[in-house]
């Protein structure tokens, strides 16, 4: 009778070992596929937020924010408005749903005596690009 239990134990242990190896192999294959997908996404720029470089009316760099971040606008009376900005391309942005060419936005704000700035400042490199 002890021999039967010994054989059953060996068979069960062998099957459990094979199952564990299959799970490990499947997990490793899944990890490789995930790593390959992540590399492909990084290569294509997915998952990275674009940087919006705000300029003045002469196209000089003022500040940078990331896509989806807000700016604040302050009028002559000191009233503040916060607007969400979305990157369109290097010279265009969507501010509260309206598309703007960045230099034209700066001109319009100057014409209306509105100061615009980020909620948090990010440093610019000496060459004027985003840090």
Protein backbone atom coordinates (compact mmCIF):
# COMPACT_ATOMS: atom_id res chain seq x y z
CA UNK A 1 0.00 0.00 0.00
CA UNK A 2 2.87 2.37 0.74
CA UNK A 3 4.26 1.69 -2.73
CA UNK A 4 0.97 2.83 -4.33
CA UNK A 5 1.04 6.11 -2.40
CA UNK A 6 4.70 6.57 -3.31
CA UNK A 7 3.92 6.10 -7.02
CA UNK A 8 0.88 8.44 -6.79
CA UNK A 9 3.05 11.04 -5.05
CA UNK A 10 5.77 10.77 -7.68
CA UNK A 11 3.24 11.07 -10.51
CA UNK A 12 1.47 14.00 -8.84
CA UNK A 13 4.81 15.72 -8.13
CA UNK A 14 5.89 15.20 -11.73
CA UNK A 15 2.65 16.65 -13.07
CA UNK A 16 2.93 19.61 -10.70
CA UNK A 17 6.51 20.19 -11.88
CA UNK A 18 5.47 20.09 -15.54
CA UNK A 19 2.60 22.51 -14.83
CA UNK A 20 4.97 24.88 -13.02
CA UNK A 21 7.44 24.80 -15.94
CA UNK A 22 4.63 25.51 -18.43
CA UNK A 23 3.46 28.48 -16.37
CA UNK A 24 7.01 29.82 -16.13
CA UNK A 25 7.53 29.45 -19.88
CA UNK A 26 4.22 31.16 -20.64
CA UNK A 27 5.04 33.97 -18.22
CA UNK A 28 8.47 34.49 -19.77
CA UNK A 29 6.94 34.59 -23.26
CA UNK A 30 4.38 37.15 -22.06
CA UNK A 31 7.14 39.27 -20.46
CA UNK A 32 9.13 39.24 -23.72
CA UNK A 33 6.04 40.28 -25.69
CA UNK A 34 5.29 43.10 -23.21
CA UNK A 35 8.90 44.33 -23.35
CA UNK A 36 8.82 44.27 -27.17
CA UNK A 37 5.53 46.23 -27.19
CA UNK A 38 6.91 48.76 -24.72
CA UNK A 39 10.05 49.31 -26.85
CA UNK A 40 7.87 49.79 -29.93
CA UNK A 41 5.67 52.31 -28.13
CA UNK A 42 8.70 54.26 -26.90
CA UNK A 43 10.19 54.25 -30.40
CA UNK A 44 6.95 55.70 -31.80
CA UNK A 45 6.55 58.27 -29.02
CA UNK A 46 3.47 56.76 -27.39
CA UNK A 47 3.11 57.30 -23.67
CA UNK A 48 5.27 60.42 -23.62
CA UNK A 49 3.65 63.76 -23.10
CA UNK A 50 4.63 66.40 -25.63
CA UNK A 51 6.10 69.71 -24.49
CA UNK A 52 4.37 72.97 -25.45
CA UNK A 53 6.79 75.89 -25.79
CA UNK A 54 4.99 79.20 -25.27
CA UNK A 55 6.47 82.27 -26.95
CA UNK A 56 5.97 86.02 -26.91
CA UNK A 57 4.76 88.03 -29.92
CA UNK A 58 8.36 88.08 -31.29
CA UNK A 59 8.63 84.26 -31.02
CA UNK A 60 11.03 84.36 -28.04
CA UNK A 61 10.64 81.40 -25.66
CA UNK A 62 8.78 82.25 -22.44
CA UNK A 63 8.06 78.92 -20.73
CA UNK A 64 7.20 75.30 -21.40
CA UNK A 65 4.40 73.10 -20.14
CA UNK A 66 3.51 69.51 -20.88
CA UNK A 67 0.55 68.49 -23.00
CA UNK A 68 -2.58 68.54 -20.86
CA UNK A 69 -1.22 71.01 -18.29
CA UNK A 70 -3.01 74.29 -17.53
CA UNK A 71 -1.88 77.88 -17.91
CA UNK A 72 -3.25 80.82 -16.00
CA UNK A 73 -4.28 84.07 -17.63
CA UNK A 74 -4.59 87.28 -15.62
CA UNK A 75 -6.42 90.31 -16.97
CA UNK A 76 -5.99 94.01 -16.00
CA UNK A 77 -8.46 93.68 -13.12
CA UNK A 78 -6.47 90.80 -11.65
CA UNK A 79 -9.05 88.18 -12.54
CA UNK A 80 -7.56 84.77 -13.19
CA UNK A 81 -8.67 82.17 -15.68
CA UNK A 82 -7.16 78.69 -15.90
CA UNK A 83 -7.07 76.97 -19.29
CA UNK A 84 -6.04 73.45 -20.28
CA UNK A 85 -3.56 73.25 -23.17
CA UNK A 86 -3.10 70.41 -25.65
CA UNK A 87 -0.18 69.99 -28.02
CA UNK A 88 -1.06 70.03 -31.72
CA UNK A 89 2.43 70.51 -33.18
CA UNK A 90 5.55 72.54 -32.39
CA UNK A 91 3.86 75.85 -33.24
CA UNK A 92 0.19 75.14 -32.51
CA UNK A 93 -1.75 74.42 -29.34
CA UNK A 94 -5.37 73.89 -28.39
CA UNK A 95 -6.33 76.08 -25.42
CA UNK A 96 -9.71 75.26 -23.89
CA UNK A 97 -10.74 73.62 -27.16
CA UNK A 98 -9.66 76.45 -29.48
CA UNK A 99 -6.68 75.94 -31.79
CA UNK A 100 -4.03 78.68 -31.74
CA UNK A 101 -0.75 79.36 -33.47
CA UNK A 102 1.44 80.13 -30.43
CA UNK A 103 2.79 83.48 -31.67
CA UNK A 104 -0.73 84.63 -32.63
CA UNK A 105 -1.96 83.62 -29.17
CA UNK A 106 0.78 85.81 -27.63
CA UNK A 107 -0.19 88.74 -29.87
CA UNK A 108 -3.87 88.39 -28.94
CA UNK A 109 -3.05 88.26 -25.22
CA UNK A 110 -0.84 91.38 -25.54
CA UNK A 111 -3.60 93.20 -27.46
CA UNK A 112 -6.05 92.43 -24.63
CA UNK A 113 -3.53 93.19 -21.83
CA UNK A 114 -3.68 89.62 -20.55
CA UNK A 115 -0.66 88.04 -18.89
CA UNK A 116 -0.32 84.30 -19.37
CA UNK A 117 1.93 81.94 -17.42
CA UNK A 118 2.16 78.34 -16.28
CA UNK A 119 0.97 77.20 -12.88
CA UNK A 120 4.47 75.84 -12.22
CA UNK A 121 7.65 77.10 -13.85
CA UNK A 122 10.04 74.80 -15.74
CA UNK A 123 13.52 76.03 -16.49
CA UNK A 124 14.61 76.67 -20.07
CA UNK A 125 18.07 75.71 -21.31
CA UNK A 126 20.46 78.45 -22.38
CA UNK A 127 19.59 77.75 -26.04
CA UNK A 128 15.91 78.45 -25.33
CA UNK A 129 14.66 74.87 -25.58
CA UNK A 130 12.75 72.93 -22.97
CA UNK A 131 14.80 71.60 -20.08
